[in-house]
Amino acid sequence: MYTIDNKTYPCCTSVTMKFIGGKWKAVILVHLMKGPKRYNELRKLIPTITERTLSLQLKQLEEDHVINRKVYTEKPPLMVEYTLTDFGKTLAPVIGEITRWGIEAAQTSKKIIRKTS
């Protein structure tokens, strides 16, 4: 058993899923692994995510210290940029393996006709 922030997890796999679980967290992390992104950039890169969901997922990732949120107020308009923390960067090999597995699974199942941008 593992306890984080007064919540108990039955195994280390469930701890990992606390940080990257759900439909969108891993997708957000893939984009942030390529470099800092603004909120609107993430919205364009993930067009099927709702604004509410993106905001909630970013907030959770920030609360879990996986990403940093930096607000630039020097010049209007206000700009917010998201980057991976050092802790978040440790997820790169995990996300990379998930991505590789997804590619292989899609090719093996032959249900993918073509990759879209």
PDB file of N, CA and C in Angstrom:
ATOM      1  N   MET A   1       0.844  -1.181   0.000  1.00  0.00           N
ATOM      2  CA  MET A   1       0.000   0.000   0.000  1.00  0.00           C
ATOM      3  C   MET A   1       0.887   1.242   0.000  1.00  0.00           C
ATOM      4  N   TYR A   2       0.406   2.244  -0.711  1.00  0.00           N
ATOM      5  CA  TYR A   2       1.122   3.511  -0.811  1.00  0.00           C
ATOM      6  C   TYR A   2       0.152   4.627  -0.452  1.00  0.00           C
ATOM      7  N   THR A   3       0.644   5.619   0.274  1.00  0.00           N
ATOM      8  CA  THR A   3      -0.193   6.751   0.646  1.00  0.00           C
ATOM      9  C   THR A   3       0.449   8.041   0.156  1.00  0.00           C
ATOM     10  N   ILE A   4      -0.332   8.812  -0.581  1.00  0.00           N
ATOM     11  CA  ILE A   4       0.101  10.124  -1.072  1.00  0.00           C
ATOM     12  C   ILE A   4      -1.021  11.103  -0.765  1.00  0.00           C
ATOM     13  N   ASP A   5      -0.672  12.192  -0.097  1.00  0.00           N
ATOM     14  CA  ASP A   5      -1.665  13.216   0.252  1.00  0.00           C
ATOM     15  C   ASP A   5      -2.892  12.612   0.923  1.00  0.00           C
ATOM     16  N   ASN A   6      -2.658  11.739   1.875  1.00  0.00           N
ATOM     17  CA  ASN A   6      -3.725  11.085   2.655  1.00  0.00           C
ATOM     18  C   ASN A   6      -4.641  10.192   1.837  1.00  0.00           C
ATOM     19  N   LYS A   7      -4.231   9.819   0.651  1.00  0.00           N
ATOM     20  CA  LYS A   7      -5.002   8.874  -0.157  1.00  0.00           C
ATOM     21  C   LYS A   7      -4.157   7.621  -0.331  1.00  0.00           C
ATOM     22  N   THR A   8      -4.780   6.468  -0.107  1.00  0.00           N
ATOM     23  CA  THR A   8      -4.062   5.201  -0.172  1.00  0.00           C
ATOM     24  C   THR A   8      -4.281   4.530  -1.524  1.00  0.00           C
ATOM     25  N   TYR A   9      -3.189   4.005  -2.070  1.00  0.00           N
ATOM     26  CA  TYR A   9      -3.207   3.308  -3.353  1.00  0.00           C
ATOM     27  C   TYR A   9      -2.775   1.868  -3.117  1.00  0.00           C
ATOM     28  N   PRO A  10      -3.446   0.896  -3.763  1.00  0.00           N
ATOM     29  CA  PRO A  10      -3.154  -0.519  -3.503  1.00  0.00           C
ATOM     30  C   PRO A  10      -1.821  -1.016  -4.055  1.00  0.00           C
ATOM     31  N   CYS A  11      -1.288  -0.329  -5.095  1.00  0.00           N
ATOM     32  CA  CYS A  11      -0.034  -0.790  -5.692  1.00  0.00           C
ATOM     33  C   CYS A  11       0.656   0.374  -6.394  1.00  0.00           C
ATOM     34  N   CYS A  12       1.904   0.137  -6.800  1.00  0.00           N
ATOM     35  CA  CYS A  12       2.665   1.213  -7.444  1.00  0.00           C
ATOM     36  C   CYS A  12       2.089   1.580  -8.815  1.00  0.00           C
ATOM     37  N   THR A  13       1.412   0.652  -9.471  1.00  0.00           N
ATOM     38  CA  THR A  13       0.784   0.973 -10.757  1.00  0.00           C
ATOM     39  C   THR A  13      -0.314   2.017 -10.558  1.00  0.00           C
ATOM     40  N   SER A  14      -1.078   1.879  -9.491  1.00  0.00           N
ATOM     41  CA  SER A  14      -2.135   2.863  -9.233  1.00  0.00           C
ATOM     42  C   SER A  14      -1.551   4.224  -8.869  1.00  0.00           C
ATOM     43  N   VAL A  15      -0.356   4.229  -8.274  1.00  0.00           N
ATOM     44  CA  VAL A  15       0.324   5.495  -8.004  1.00  0.00           C
ATOM     45  C   VAL A  15       0.685   6.172  -9.329  1.00  0.00           C
ATOM     46  N   THR A  16       1.232   5.410 -10.258  1.00  0.00           N
ATOM     47  CA  THR A  16       1.580   5.963 -11.567  1.00  0.00           C
ATOM     48  C   THR A  16       0.337   6.523 -12.251  1.00  0.00           C
ATOM     49  N   MET A  17      -0.753   5.781 -12.197  1.00  0.00           N
ATOM     50  CA  MET A  17      -1.983   6.224 -12.854  1.00  0.00           C
ATOM     51  C   MET A  17      -2.568   7.471 -12.193  1.00  0.00           C
ATOM     52  N   LYS A  18      -2.270   7.687 -10.913  1.00  0.00           N
ATOM     53  CA  LYS A  18      -2.692   8.922 -10.250  1.00  0.00           C
ATOM     54  C   LYS A  18      -2.128  10.131 -11.000  1.00  0.00           C
ATOM     55  N   PHE A  19      -0.910   9.997 -11.467  1.00  0.00           N
ATOM     56  CA  PHE A  19      -0.237  11.105 -12.136  1.00  0.00           C
ATOM     57  C   PHE A  19      -0.557  11.214 -13.623  1.00  0.00           C
ATOM     58  N   ILE A  20      -0.764  10.100 -14.312  1.00  0.00           N
ATOM     59  CA  ILE A  20      -0.958  10.169 -15.771  1.00  0.00           C
ATOM     60  C   ILE A  20      -2.269   9.566 -16.242  1.00  0.00           C
ATOM     61  N   GLY A  21      -3.099   9.103 -15.308  1.00  0.00           N
ATOM     62  CA  GLY A  21      -4.339   8.429 -15.674  1.00  0.00           C
ATOM     63  C   GLY A  21      -5.368   9.362 -16.289  1.00  0.00           C
ATOM     64  N   GLY A  22      -6.335   8.766 -16.923  1.00  0.00           N
ATOM     65  CA  GLY A  22      -7.383   9.538 -17.580  1.00  0.00           C
ATOM     66  C   GLY A  22      -7.112   9.649 -19.067  1.00  0.00           C
ATOM     67  N   LYS A  23      -8.051  10.242 -19.745  1.00  0.00           N
ATOM     68  CA  LYS A  23      -7.980  10.314 -21.199  1.00  0.00           C
ATOM     69  C   LYS A  23      -6.966  11.344 -21.706  1.00  0.00           C
ATOM     70  N   TRP A  24      -6.701  12.403 -20.937  1.00  0.00           N
ATOM     71  CA  TRP A  24      -5.967  13.526 -21.498  1.00  0.00           C
ATOM     72  C   TRP A  24      -4.609  13.822 -20.896  1.00  0.00           C
ATOM     73  N   LYS A  25      -4.329  13.402 -19.675  1.00  0.00           N
ATOM     74  CA  LYS A  25      -3.064  13.778 -19.039  1.00  0.00           C
ATOM     75  C   LYS A  25      -1.854  13.341 -19.854  1.00  0.00           C
ATOM     76  N   ALA A  26      -1.840  12.106 -20.300  1.00  0.00           N
ATOM     77  CA  ALA A  26      -0.692  11.616 -21.077  1.00  0.00           C
ATOM     78  C   ALA A  26      -0.553  12.387 -22.387  1.00  0.00           C
ATOM     79  N   VAL A  27      -1.674  12.747 -22.995  1.00  0.00           N
ATOM     80  CA  VAL A  27      -1.637  13.507 -24.247  1.00  0.00           C
ATOM     81  C   VAL A  27      -1.041  14.893 -23.994  1.00  0.00           C
ATOM     82  N   ILE A  28      -1.454  15.536 -22.925  1.00  0.00           N
ATOM     83  CA  ILE A  28      -0.899  16.841 -22.563  1.00  0.00           C
ATOM     84  C   ILE A  28       0.601  16.715 -22.331  1.00  0.00           C
ATOM     85  N   LEU A  29       1.000  15.671 -21.607  1.00  0.00           N
ATOM     86  CA  LEU A  29       2.419  15.478 -21.301  1.00  0.00           C
ATOM     87  C   LEU A  29       3.243  15.233 -22.563  1.00  0.00           C
ATOM     88  N   VAL A  30       2.700  14.510 -23.529  1.00  0.00           N
ATOM     89  CA  VAL A  30       3.414  14.286 -24.791  1.00  0.00           C
ATOM     90  C   VAL A  30       3.756  15.629 -25.431  1.00  0.00           C
ATOM     91  N   HIS A  31       2.800  16.537 -25.449  1.00  0.00           N
ATOM     92  CA  HIS A  31       3.041  17.846 -26.062  1.00  0.00           C
ATOM     93  C   HIS A  31       4.020  18.685 -25.240  1.00  0.00           C
ATOM     94  N   LEU A  32       3.946  18.612 -23.925  1.00  0.00           N
ATOM     95  CA  LEU A  32       4.862  19.383 -23.089  1.00  0.00           C
ATOM     96  C   LEU A  32       6.270  18.798 -23.100  1.00  0.00           C
ATOM     97  N   MET A  33       6.395  17.516 -23.431  1.00  0.00           N
ATOM     98  CA  MET A  33       7.729  16.920 -23.552  1.00  0.00           C
ATOM     99  C   MET A  33       8.491  17.542 -24.719  1.00  0.00           C
ATOM    100  N   LYS A  34       7.771  18.120 -25.668  1.00  0.00           N
ATOM    101  CA  LYS A  34       8.390  18.750 -26.838  1.00  0.00           C
ATOM    102  C   LYS A  34       8.777  20.197 -26.558  1.00  0.00           C
ATOM    103  N   GLY A  35       8.397  20.708 -25.383  1.00  0.00           N
ATOM    104  CA  GLY A  35       8.759  22.071 -25.015  1.00  0.00           C
ATOM    105  C   GLY A  35       7.592  22.818 -24.392  1.00  0.00           C
ATOM    106  N   PRO A  36       7.855  24.015 -23.866  1.00  0.00           N
ATOM    107  CA  PRO A  36       6.817  24.823 -23.225  1.00  0.00           C
ATOM    108  C   PRO A  36       5.665  25.116 -24.185  1.00  0.00           C
ATOM    109  N   LYS A  37       4.474  25.151 -23.623  1.00  0.00           N
ATOM    110  CA  LYS A  37       3.285  25.451 -24.429  1.00  0.00           C
ATOM    111  C   LYS A  37       2.384  26.413 -23.665  1.00  0.00           C
ATOM    112  N   ARG A  38       1.738  27.279 -24.412  1.00  0.00           N
ATOM    113  CA  ARG A  38       0.702  28.129 -23.845  1.00  0.00           C
ATOM    114  C   ARG A  38      -0.625  27.377 -23.896  1.00  0.00           C
ATOM    115  N   TYR A  39      -1.574  27.841 -23.120  1.00  0.00           N
ATOM    116  CA  TYR A  39      -2.888  27.201 -23.053  1.00  0.00           C
ATOM    117  C   TYR A  39      -3.506  27.066 -24.445  1.00  0.00           C
ATOM    118  N   ASN A  40      -3.498  28.157 -25.200  1.00  0.00           N
ATOM    119  CA  ASN A  40      -4.113  28.121 -26.536  1.00  0.00           C
ATOM    120  C   ASN A  40      -3.380  27.183 -27.485  1.00  0.00           C
ATOM    121  N   GLU A  41      -2.062  27.045 -27.316  1.00  0.00           N
ATOM    122  CA  GLU A  41      -1.318  26.086 -28.131  1.00  0.00           C
ATOM    123  C   GLU A  41      -1.799  24.669 -27.838  1.00  0.00           C
ATOM    124  N   LEU A  42      -1.980  24.374 -26.567  1.00  0.00           N
ATOM    125  CA  LEU A  42      -2.462  23.038 -26.193  1.00  0.00           C
ATOM    126  C   LEU A  42      -3.864  22.791 -26.744  1.00  0.00           C
ATOM    127  N   ARG A  43      -4.718  23.813 -26.702  1.00  0.00           N
ATOM    128  CA  ARG A  43      -6.078  23.677 -27.264  1.00  0.00           C
ATOM    129  C   ARG A  43      -6.018  23.345 -28.755  1.00  0.00           C
ATOM    130  N   LYS A  44      -5.100  23.963 -29.479  1.00  0.00           N
ATOM    131  CA  LYS A  44      -4.976  23.692 -30.910  1.00  0.00           C
ATOM    132  C   LYS A  44      -4.379  22.317 -31.172  1.00  0.00           C
ATOM    133  N   LEU A  45      -3.443  21.902 -30.321  1.00  0.00           N
ATOM    134  CA  LEU A  45      -2.807  20.597 -30.491  1.00  0.00           C
ATOM    135  C   LEU A  45      -3.740  19.447 -30.110  1.00  0.00           C
ATOM    136  N   ILE A  46      -4.707  19.736 -29.242  1.00  0.00           N
ATOM    137  CA  ILE A  46      -5.658  18.715 -28.791  1.00  0.00           C
ATOM    138  C   ILE A  46      -7.068  19.251 -29.054  1.00  0.00           C
ATOM    139  N   PRO A  47      -7.481  19.289 -30.307  1.00  0.00           N
ATOM    140  CA  PRO A  47      -8.734  19.964 -30.649  1.00  0.00           C
ATOM    141  C   PRO A  47      -9.998  19.307 -30.082  1.00  0.00           C
ATOM    142  N   THR A  48      -9.941  18.044 -29.708  1.00  0.00           N
ATOM    143  CA  THR A  48     -11.152  17.380 -29.207  1.00  0.00           C
ATOM    144  C   THR A  48     -11.334  17.502 -27.699  1.00  0.00           C
ATOM    145  N   ILE A  49     -10.402  18.128 -27.008  1.00  0.00           N
ATOM    146  CA  ILE A  49     -10.544  18.324 -25.568  1.00  0.00           C
ATOM    147  C   ILE A  49     -11.355  19.594 -25.324  1.00  0.00           C
ATOM    148  N   THR A  50     -12.219  19.564 -24.333  1.00  0.00           N
ATOM    149  CA  THR A  50     -12.987  20.769 -24.007  1.00  0.00           C
ATOM    150  C   THR A  50     -12.112  21.710 -23.179  1.00  0.00           C
ATOM    151  N   GLU A  51     -12.471  22.981 -23.185  1.00  0.00           N
ATOM    152  CA  GLU A  51     -11.709  23.957 -22.397  1.00  0.00           C
ATOM    153  C   GLU A  51     -11.750  23.612 -20.919  1.00  0.00           C
ATOM    154  N   ARG A  52     -12.905  23.211 -20.446  1.00  0.00           N
ATOM    155  CA  ARG A  52     -13.064  22.862 -19.025  1.00  0.00           C
ATOM    156  C   ARG A  52     -12.159  21.687 -18.663  1.00  0.00           C
ATOM    157  N   THR A  53     -12.166  20.659 -19.496  1.00  0.00           N
ATOM    158  CA  THR A  53     -11.349  19.482 -19.221  1.00  0.00           C
ATOM    159  C   THR A  53      -9.868  19.827 -19.265  1.00  0.00           C
ATOM    160  N   LEU A  54      -9.448  20.599 -20.257  1.00  0.00           N
ATOM    161  CA  LEU A  54      -8.045  20.990 -20.338  1.00  0.00           C
ATOM    162  C   LEU A  54      -7.646  21.763 -19.084  1.00  0.00           C
ATOM    163  N   SER A  55      -8.467  22.706 -18.670  1.00  0.00           N
ATOM    164  CA  SER A  55      -8.168  23.486 -17.468  1.00  0.00           C
ATOM    165  C   SER A  55      -8.048  22.593 -16.238  1.00  0.00           C
ATOM    166  N   LEU A  56      -8.981  21.657 -16.088  1.00  0.00           N
ATOM    167  CA  LEU A  56      -8.955  20.752 -14.932  1.00  0.00           C
ATOM    168  C   LEU A  56      -7.734  19.842 -14.947  1.00  0.00           C
ATOM    169  N   GLN A  57      -7.407  19.304 -16.113  1.00  0.00           N
ATOM    170  CA  GLN A  57      -6.258  18.407 -16.218  1.00  0.00           C
ATOM    171  C   GLN A  57      -4.950  19.153 -15.941  1.00  0.00           C
ATOM    172  N   LEU A  58      -4.832  20.372 -16.471  1.00  0.00           N
ATOM    173  CA  LEU A  58      -3.650  21.179 -16.207  1.00  0.00           C
ATOM    174  C   LEU A  58      -3.533  21.496 -14.719  1.00  0.00           C
ATOM    175  N   LYS A  59      -4.653  21.816 -14.105  1.00  0.00           N
ATOM    176  CA  LYS A  59      -4.652  22.120 -12.663  1.00  0.00           C
ATOM    177  C   LYS A  59      -4.203  20.901 -11.858  1.00  0.00           C
ATOM    178  N   GLN A  60      -4.721  19.717 -12.211  1.00  0.00           N
ATOM    179  CA  GLN A  60      -4.331  18.492 -11.501  1.00  0.00           C
ATOM    180  C   GLN A  60      -2.846  18.192 -11.693  1.00  0.00           C
ATOM    181  N   LEU A  61      -2.362  18.343 -12.917  1.00  0.00           N
ATOM    182  CA  LEU A  61      -0.941  18.103 -13.188  1.00  0.00           C
ATOM    183  C   LEU A  61      -0.068  19.091 -12.419  1.00  0.00           C
ATOM    184  N   GLU A  62      -0.540  20.316 -12.299  1.00  0.00           N
ATOM    185  CA  GLU A  62       0.210  21.314 -11.531  1.00  0.00           C
ATOM    186  C   GLU A  62       0.189  20.972 -10.042  1.00  0.00           C
ATOM    187  N   GLU A  63      -0.976  20.597  -9.516  1.00  0.00           N
ATOM    188  CA  GLU A  63      -1.090  20.225  -8.099  1.00  0.00           C
ATOM    189  C   GLU A  63      -0.220  19.016  -7.763  1.00  0.00           C
ATOM    190  N   ASP A  64      -0.050  18.130  -8.726  1.00  0.00           N
ATOM    191  CA  ASP A  64       0.789  16.932  -8.536  1.00  0.00           C
ATOM    192  C   ASP A  64       2.268  17.213  -8.814  1.00  0.00           C
ATOM    193  N   HIS A  65       2.600  18.471  -9.093  1.00  0.00           N
ATOM    194  CA  HIS A  65       3.985  18.897  -9.343  1.00  0.00           C
ATOM    195  C   HIS A  65       4.606  18.230 -10.572  1.00  0.00           C
ATOM    196  N   VAL A  66       3.755  17.903 -11.536  1.00  0.00           N
ATOM    197  CA  VAL A  66       4.214  17.313 -12.798  1.00  0.00           C
ATOM    198  C   VAL A  66       4.526  18.427 -13.797  1.00  0.00           C
ATOM    199  N   ILE A  67       3.764  19.515 -13.728  1.00  0.00           N
ATOM    200  CA  ILE A  67       4.003  20.660 -14.616  1.00  0.00           C
ATOM    201  C   ILE A  67       4.105  21.942 -13.801  1.00  0.00           C
ATOM    202  N   ASN A  68       4.747  22.936 -14.410  1.00  0.00           N
ATOM    203  CA  ASN A  68       4.798  24.292 -13.867  1.00  0.00           C
ATOM    204  C   ASN A  68       3.877  25.167 -14.688  1.00  0.00           C
ATOM    205  N   ARG A  69       3.243  26.102 -14.018  1.00  0.00           N
ATOM    206  CA  ARG A  69       2.419  27.111 -14.686  1.00  0.00           C
ATOM    207  C   ARG A  69       3.065  28.457 -14.380  1.00  0.00           C
ATOM    208  N   LYS A  70       3.503  29.130 -15.431  1.00  0.00           N
ATOM    209  CA  LYS A  70       4.148  30.433 -15.247  1.00  0.00           C
ATOM    210  C   LYS A  70       3.307  31.503 -15.914  1.00  0.00           C
ATOM    211  N   VAL A  71       2.991  32.545 -15.152  1.00  0.00           N
ATOM    212  CA  VAL A  71       2.187  33.654 -15.657  1.00  0.00           C
ATOM    213  C   VAL A  71       3.119  34.815 -15.954  1.00  0.00           C
ATOM    214  N   TYR A  72       3.058  35.314 -17.198  1.00  0.00           N
ATOM    215  CA  TYR A  72       3.825  36.480 -17.616  1.00  0.00           C
ATOM    216  C   TYR A  72       2.888  37.680 -17.598  1.00  0.00           C
ATOM    217  N   THR A  73       3.250  38.681 -16.803  1.00  0.00           N
ATOM    218  CA  THR A  73       2.386  39.863 -16.687  1.00  0.00           C
ATOM    219  C   THR A  73       3.059  41.121 -17.202  1.00  0.00           C
ATOM    220  N   GLU A  74       4.259  40.994 -17.784  1.00  0.00           N
ATOM    221  CA  GLU A  74       4.999  42.165 -18.221  1.00  0.00           C
ATOM    222  C   GLU A  74       4.261  42.991 -19.265  1.00  0.00           C
ATOM    223  N   LYS A  75       3.586  42.308 -20.166  1.00  0.00           N
ATOM    224  CA  LYS A  75       2.914  43.048 -21.225  1.00  0.00           C
ATOM    225  C   LYS A  75       1.539  42.425 -21.477  1.00  0.00           C
ATOM    226  N   PRO A  76       0.568  43.254 -21.752  1.00  0.00           N
ATOM    227  CA  PRO A  76      -0.740  42.688 -22.110  1.00  0.00           C
ATOM    228  C   PRO A  76      -0.662  42.044 -23.477  1.00  0.00           C
ATOM    229  N   PRO A  77      -1.427  41.051 -23.794  1.00  0.00           N
ATOM    230  CA  PRO A  77      -2.302  40.370 -22.856  1.00  0.00           C
ATOM    231  C   PRO A  77      -1.522  39.404 -21.958  1.00  0.00           C
ATOM    232  N   LEU A  78      -2.149  39.044 -20.881  1.00  0.00           N
ATOM    233  CA  LEU A  78      -1.578  38.095 -19.933  1.00  0.00           C
ATOM    234  C   LEU A  78      -1.242  36.797 -20.652  1.00  0.00           C
ATOM    235  N   MET A  79      -0.072  36.239 -20.366  1.00  0.00           N
ATOM    236  CA  MET A  79       0.323  34.984 -21.016  1.00  0.00           C
ATOM    237  C   MET A  79       0.650  33.950 -19.944  1.00  0.00           C
ATOM    238  N   VAL A  80       0.154  32.740 -20.132  1.00  0.00           N
ATOM    239  CA  VAL A  80       0.436  31.633 -19.229  1.00  0.00           C
ATOM    240  C   VAL A  80       1.128  30.548 -20.026  1.00  0.00           C
ATOM    241  N   GLU A  81       2.226  30.039 -19.475  1.00  0.00           N
ATOM    242  CA  GLU A  81       3.004  29.003 -20.150  1.00  0.00           C
ATOM    243  C   GLU A  81       3.155  27.803 -19.223  1.00  0.00           C
ATOM    244  N   TYR A  82       3.044  26.622 -19.819  1.00  0.00           N
ATOM    245  CA  TYR A  82       3.178  25.381 -19.064  1.00  0.00           C
ATOM    246  C   TYR A  82       4.438  24.646 -19.497  1.00  0.00           C
ATOM    247  N   THR A  83       5.161  24.127 -18.510  1.00  0.00           N
ATOM    248  CA  THR A  83       6.358  23.340 -18.766  1.00  0.00           C
ATOM    249  C   THR A  83       6.365  22.148 -17.815  1.00  0.00           C
ATOM    250  N   LEU A  84       7.151  21.146 -18.163  1.00  0.00           N
ATOM    251  CA  LEU A  84       7.328  20.012 -17.263  1.00  0.00           C
ATOM    252  C   LEU A  84       8.258  20.405 -16.124  1.00  0.00           C
ATOM    253  N   THR A  85       7.966  19.921 -14.932  1.00  0.00           N
ATOM    254  CA  THR A  85       8.901  20.060 -13.820  1.00  0.00           C
ATOM    255  C   THR A  85       9.976  18.990 -13.983  1.00  0.00           C
ATOM    256  N   ASP A  86      11.000  19.034 -13.147  1.00  0.00           N
ATOM    257  CA  ASP A  86      11.998  17.961 -13.179  1.00  0.00           C
ATOM    258  C   ASP A  86      11.331  16.621 -12.878  1.00  0.00           C
ATOM    259  N   PHE A  87      10.399  16.636 -11.931  1.00  0.00           N
ATOM    260  CA  PHE A  87       9.642  15.429 -11.608  1.00  0.00           C
ATOM    261  C   PHE A  87       8.832  14.973 -12.824  1.00  0.00           C
ATOM    262  N   GLY A  88       8.192  15.909 -13.512  1.00  0.00           N
ATOM    263  CA  GLY A  88       7.410  15.587 -14.704  1.00  0.00           C
ATOM    264  C   GLY A  88       8.256  14.993 -15.807  1.00  0.00           C
ATOM    265  N   LYS A  89       9.495  15.487 -15.923  1.00  0.00           N
ATOM    266  CA  LYS A  89      10.397  14.960 -16.949  1.00  0.00           C
ATOM    267  C   LYS A  89      10.741  13.494 -16.716  1.00  0.00           C
ATOM    268  N   THR A  90      10.641  13.036 -15.474  1.00  0.00           N
ATOM    269  CA  THR A  90      10.923  11.618 -15.201  1.00  0.00           C
ATOM    270  C   THR A  90       9.854  10.709 -15.801  1.00  0.00           C
ATOM    271  N   LEU A  91       8.730  11.276 -16.201  1.00  0.00           N
ATOM    272  CA  LEU A  91       7.669  10.498 -16.844  1.00  0.00           C
ATOM    273  C   LEU A  91       7.923  10.266 -18.331  1.00  0.00           C
ATOM    274  N   ALA A  92       8.914  10.937 -18.906  1.00  0.00           N
ATOM    275  CA  ALA A  92       9.184  10.827 -20.348  1.00  0.00           C
ATOM    276  C   ALA A  92       9.359   9.382 -20.813  1.00  0.00           C
ATOM    277  N   PRO A  93      10.150   8.551 -20.127  1.00  0.00           N
ATOM    278  CA  PRO A  93      10.282   7.166 -20.595  1.00  0.00           C
ATOM    279  C   PRO A  93       8.958   6.388 -20.526  1.00  0.00           C
ATOM    280  N   VAL A  94       8.168   6.671 -19.510  1.00  0.00           N
ATOM    281  CA  VAL A  94       6.872   5.993 -19.355  1.00  0.00           C
ATOM    282  C   VAL A  94       5.943   6.383 -20.498  1.00  0.00           C
ATOM    283  N   ILE A  95       5.837   7.681 -20.747  1.00  0.00           N
ATOM    284  CA  ILE A  95       4.971   8.181 -21.821  1.00  0.00           C
ATOM    285  C   ILE A  95       5.485   7.681 -23.171  1.00  0.00           C
ATOM    286  N   GLY A  96       6.793   7.646 -23.338  1.00  0.00           N
ATOM    287  CA  GLY A  96       7.379   7.135 -24.582  1.00  0.00           C
ATOM    288  C   GLY A  96       7.003   5.691 -24.835  1.00  0.00           C
ATOM    289  N   GLU A  97       7.052   4.871 -23.803  1.00  0.00           N
ATOM    290  CA  GLU A  97       6.670   3.455 -23.946  1.00  0.00           C
ATOM    291  C   GLU A  97       5.182   3.302 -24.240  1.00  0.00           C
ATOM    292  N   ILE A  98       4.360   4.111 -23.594  1.00  0.00           N
ATOM    293  CA  ILE A  98       2.914   4.070 -23.855  1.00  0.00           C
ATOM    294  C   ILE A  98       2.656   4.428 -25.322  1.00  0.00           C
ATOM    295  N   THR A  99       3.352   5.444 -25.807  1.00  0.00           N
ATOM    296  CA  THR A  99       3.206   5.870 -27.201  1.00  0.00           C
ATOM    297  C   THR A  99       3.642   4.762 -28.158  1.00  0.00           C
ATOM    298  N   ARG A 100       4.810   4.180 -27.897  1.00  0.00           N
ATOM    299  CA  ARG A 100       5.297   3.090 -28.762  1.00  0.00           C
ATOM    300  C   ARG A 100       4.322   1.909 -28.764  1.00  0.00           C
ATOM    301  N   TRP A 101       3.801   1.567 -27.593  1.00  0.00           N
ATOM    302  CA  TRP A 101       2.850   0.470 -27.506  1.00  0.00           C
ATOM    303  C   TRP A 101       1.593   0.798 -28.320  1.00  0.00           C
ATOM    304  N   GLY A 102       1.128   2.037 -28.229  1.00  0.00           N
ATOM    305  CA  GLY A 102      -0.061   2.448 -28.982  1.00  0.00           C
ATOM    306  C   GLY A 102       0.139   2.344 -30.480  1.00  0.00           C
ATOM    307  N   ILE A 103       1.323   2.722 -30.944  1.00  0.00           N
ATOM    308  CA  ILE A 103       1.634   2.617 -32.377  1.00  0.00           C
ATOM    309  C   ILE A 103       1.610   1.161 -32.803  1.00  0.00           C
ATOM    310  N   GLU A 104       2.267   0.307 -32.046  1.00  0.00           N
ATOM    311  CA  GLU A 104       2.290  -1.125 -32.378  1.00  0.00           C
ATOM    312  C   GLU A 104       0.897  -1.737 -32.336  1.00  0.00           C
ATOM    313  N   ALA A 105       0.124  -1.379 -31.325  1.00  0.00           N
ATOM    314  CA  ALA A 105      -1.237  -1.919 -31.201  1.00  0.00           C
ATOM    315  C   ALA A 105      -2.098  -1.482 -32.381  1.00  0.00           C
ATOM    316  N   ALA A 106      -1.975  -0.225 -32.784  1.00  0.00           N
ATOM    317  CA  ALA A 106      -2.757   0.280 -33.916  1.00  0.00           C
ATOM    318  C   ALA A 106      -2.363  -0.438 -35.202  1.00  0.00           C
ATOM    319  N   GLN A 107      -1.057  -0.654 -35.400  1.00  0.00           N
ATOM    320  CA  GLN A 107      -0.597  -1.336 -36.609  1.00  0.00           C
ATOM    321  C   GLN A 107      -0.993  -2.807 -36.597  1.00  0.00           C
ATOM    322  N   THR A 108      -0.901  -3.442 -35.449  1.00  0.00           N
ATOM    323  CA  THR A 108      -1.238  -4.859 -35.325  1.00  0.00           C
ATOM    324  C   THR A 108      -2.731  -5.099 -35.538  1.00  0.00           C
ATOM    325  N   SER A 109      -3.544  -4.214 -34.994  1.00  0.00           N
ATOM    326  CA  SER A 109      -4.990  -4.407 -35.110  1.00  0.00           C
ATOM    327  C   SER A 109      -5.500  -4.094 -36.500  1.00  0.00           C
ATOM    328  N   LYS A 110      -4.690  -3.418 -37.295  1.00  0.00           N
ATOM    329  CA  LYS A 110      -5.038  -3.040 -38.667  1.00  0.00           C
ATOM    330  C   LYS A 110      -6.333  -2.226 -38.740  1.00  0.00           C
ATOM    331  N   LYS A 111      -6.691  -1.616 -37.638  1.00  0.00           N
ATOM    332  CA  LYS A 111      -7.899  -0.805 -37.621  1.00  0.00           C
ATOM    333  C   LYS A 111      -7.600   0.653 -37.923  1.00  0.00           C
ATOM    334  N   ILE A 112      -6.331   0.950 -38.029  1.00  0.00           N
ATOM    335  CA  ILE A 112      -5.970   2.323 -38.362  1.00  0.00           C
ATOM    336  C   ILE A 112      -5.764   2.371 -39.878  1.00  0.00           C
ATOM    337  N   ILE A 113      -6.406   3.273 -40.532  1.00  0.00           N
ATOM    338  CA  ILE A 113      -6.282   3.384 -41.987  1.00  0.00           C
ATOM    339  C   ILE A 113      -5.156   4.336 -42.318  1.00  0.00           C
ATOM    340  N   ARG A 114      -5.113   5.467 -41.651  1.00  0.00           N
ATOM    341  CA  ARG A 114      -4.027   6.407 -41.859  1.00  0.00           C
ATOM    342  C   ARG A 114      -3.898   7.281 -40.623  1.00  0.00           C
ATOM    343  N   LYS A 115      -2.703   7.742 -40.420  1.00  0.00           N
ATOM    344  CA  LYS A 115      -2.437   8.657 -39.306  1.00  0.00           C
ATOM    345  C   LYS A 115      -2.856  10.047 -39.744  1.00  0.00           C
ATOM    346  N   THR A 116      -3.604  10.734 -38.898  1.00  0.00           N
ATOM    347  CA  THR A 116      -3.975  12.107 -39.192  1.00  0.00           C
ATOM    348  C   THR A 116      -3.089  13.029 -38.382  1.00  0.00           C
ATOM    349  N   SER A 117      -2.936  14.255 -38.830  1.00  0.00           N
ATOM    350  CA  SER A 117      -2.042  15.202 -38.152  1.00  0.00           C
ATOM    351  C   SER A 117      -2.603  15.686 -36.869  1.00  0.00           C
TER     352      SER A 117
END
